Amino acid sequence: MNLTIENVELWLAALAAIAGLGVWGYKKWLSIKEGGISLGEVLDAVEEAADKVEEVKEQVEEAIEETKE
């Protein structure tokens, strides 16, 4: 694996996306825990989480592919 500035930038972007997903998930969890949202909103949050996970997965896969080149 060649460690270049470009690779580091890609990995930092991927890590930022993962961290952002974690913060978003934590805020949703707190809202659910406090009873601040309805069941419908919980289901919407689950769908939204699936979309966010897919976005992060794509960014991480891109970073992996870029480091292979």
Protein backbone atom coordinates (compact mmCIF):
# COMPACT_ATOMS: atom_id res chain seq x y z
CA MET A 1 0.00 0.00 0.00
CA ASN A 2 1.40 3.35 -1.03
CA LEU A 3 0.70 6.02 1.52
CA THR A 4 0.28 9.28 -0.33
CA ILE A 5 -1.37 12.55 0.53
CA GLU A 6 -4.26 11.61 -1.77
CA ASN A 7 -4.75 8.29 0.03
CA VAL A 8 -4.66 10.00 3.40
CA GLU A 9 -7.25 12.52 2.21
CA LEU A 10 -9.53 9.71 1.01
CA TRP A 11 -9.22 7.84 4.29
CA LEU A 12 -9.84 11.01 6.29
CA ALA A 13 -12.99 11.64 4.25
CA ALA A 14 -14.13 8.05 4.87
CA LEU A 15 -13.43 8.37 8.60
CA ALA A 16 -15.30 11.68 8.71
CA ALA A 17 -18.31 10.01 7.08
CA ILE A 18 -18.19 7.18 9.62
CA ALA A 19 -17.89 9.66 12.50
CA GLY A 20 -20.78 11.67 11.09
CA LEU A 21 -22.88 8.51 10.93
CA GLY A 22 -22.02 7.79 14.54
CA VAL A 23 -23.03 11.27 15.70
CA TRP A 24 -26.28 11.09 13.71
CA GLY A 25 -27.05 7.66 15.18
CA TYR A 26 -26.31 8.81 18.71
CA LYS A 27 -28.64 11.81 18.36
CA LYS A 28 -31.40 9.56 17.00
CA TRP A 29 -30.85 7.09 19.82
CA LEU A 30 -31.11 9.86 22.42
CA SER A 31 -34.32 11.11 20.82
CA ILE A 32 -35.82 7.61 20.84
CA LYS A 33 -34.64 6.97 24.41
CA GLU A 34 -36.26 10.18 25.63
CA GLY A 35 -39.50 9.29 23.88
CA GLY A 36 -39.22 12.31 21.63
CA ILE A 37 -40.31 10.54 18.48
CA SER A 38 -43.15 8.26 17.42
CA LEU A 39 -42.95 4.73 16.03
CA GLY A 40 -43.36 6.08 12.51
CA GLU A 41 -40.42 8.39 13.05
CA VAL A 42 -38.38 5.46 14.37
CA LEU A 43 -39.12 3.53 11.19
CA ASP A 44 -38.17 6.56 9.11
CA ALA A 45 -34.94 6.84 11.09
CA VAL A 46 -34.14 3.20 10.35
CA GLU A 47 -34.67 3.77 6.63
CA GLU A 48 -32.56 6.92 6.78
CA ALA A 49 -29.84 5.03 8.67
CA ALA A 50 -29.76 2.37 5.95
CA ASP A 51 -29.23 5.09 3.34
CA LYS A 52 -26.48 6.72 5.40
CA VAL A 53 -24.74 3.38 5.94
CA GLU A 54 -24.83 2.75 2.19
CA GLU A 55 -23.25 6.18 1.55
CA VAL A 56 -20.49 5.48 4.07
CA LYS A 57 -19.94 2.02 2.59
CA GLU A 58 -19.44 3.54 -0.86
CA GLN A 59 -16.98 6.12 0.48
CA VAL A 60 -14.97 3.48 2.31
CA GLU A 61 -14.95 1.19 -0.74
CA GLU A 62 -13.75 4.13 -2.84
CA ALA A 63 -10.94 4.80 -0.38
CA ILE A 64 -9.93 1.15 -0.45
CA GLU A 65 -9.91 1.04 -4.24
CA GLU A 66 -7.89 4.25 -4.46
CA THR A 67 -5.23 2.90 -2.11
CA LYS A 68 -4.90 -0.24 -4.25
CA GLU A 69 -3.96 1.78 -7.31
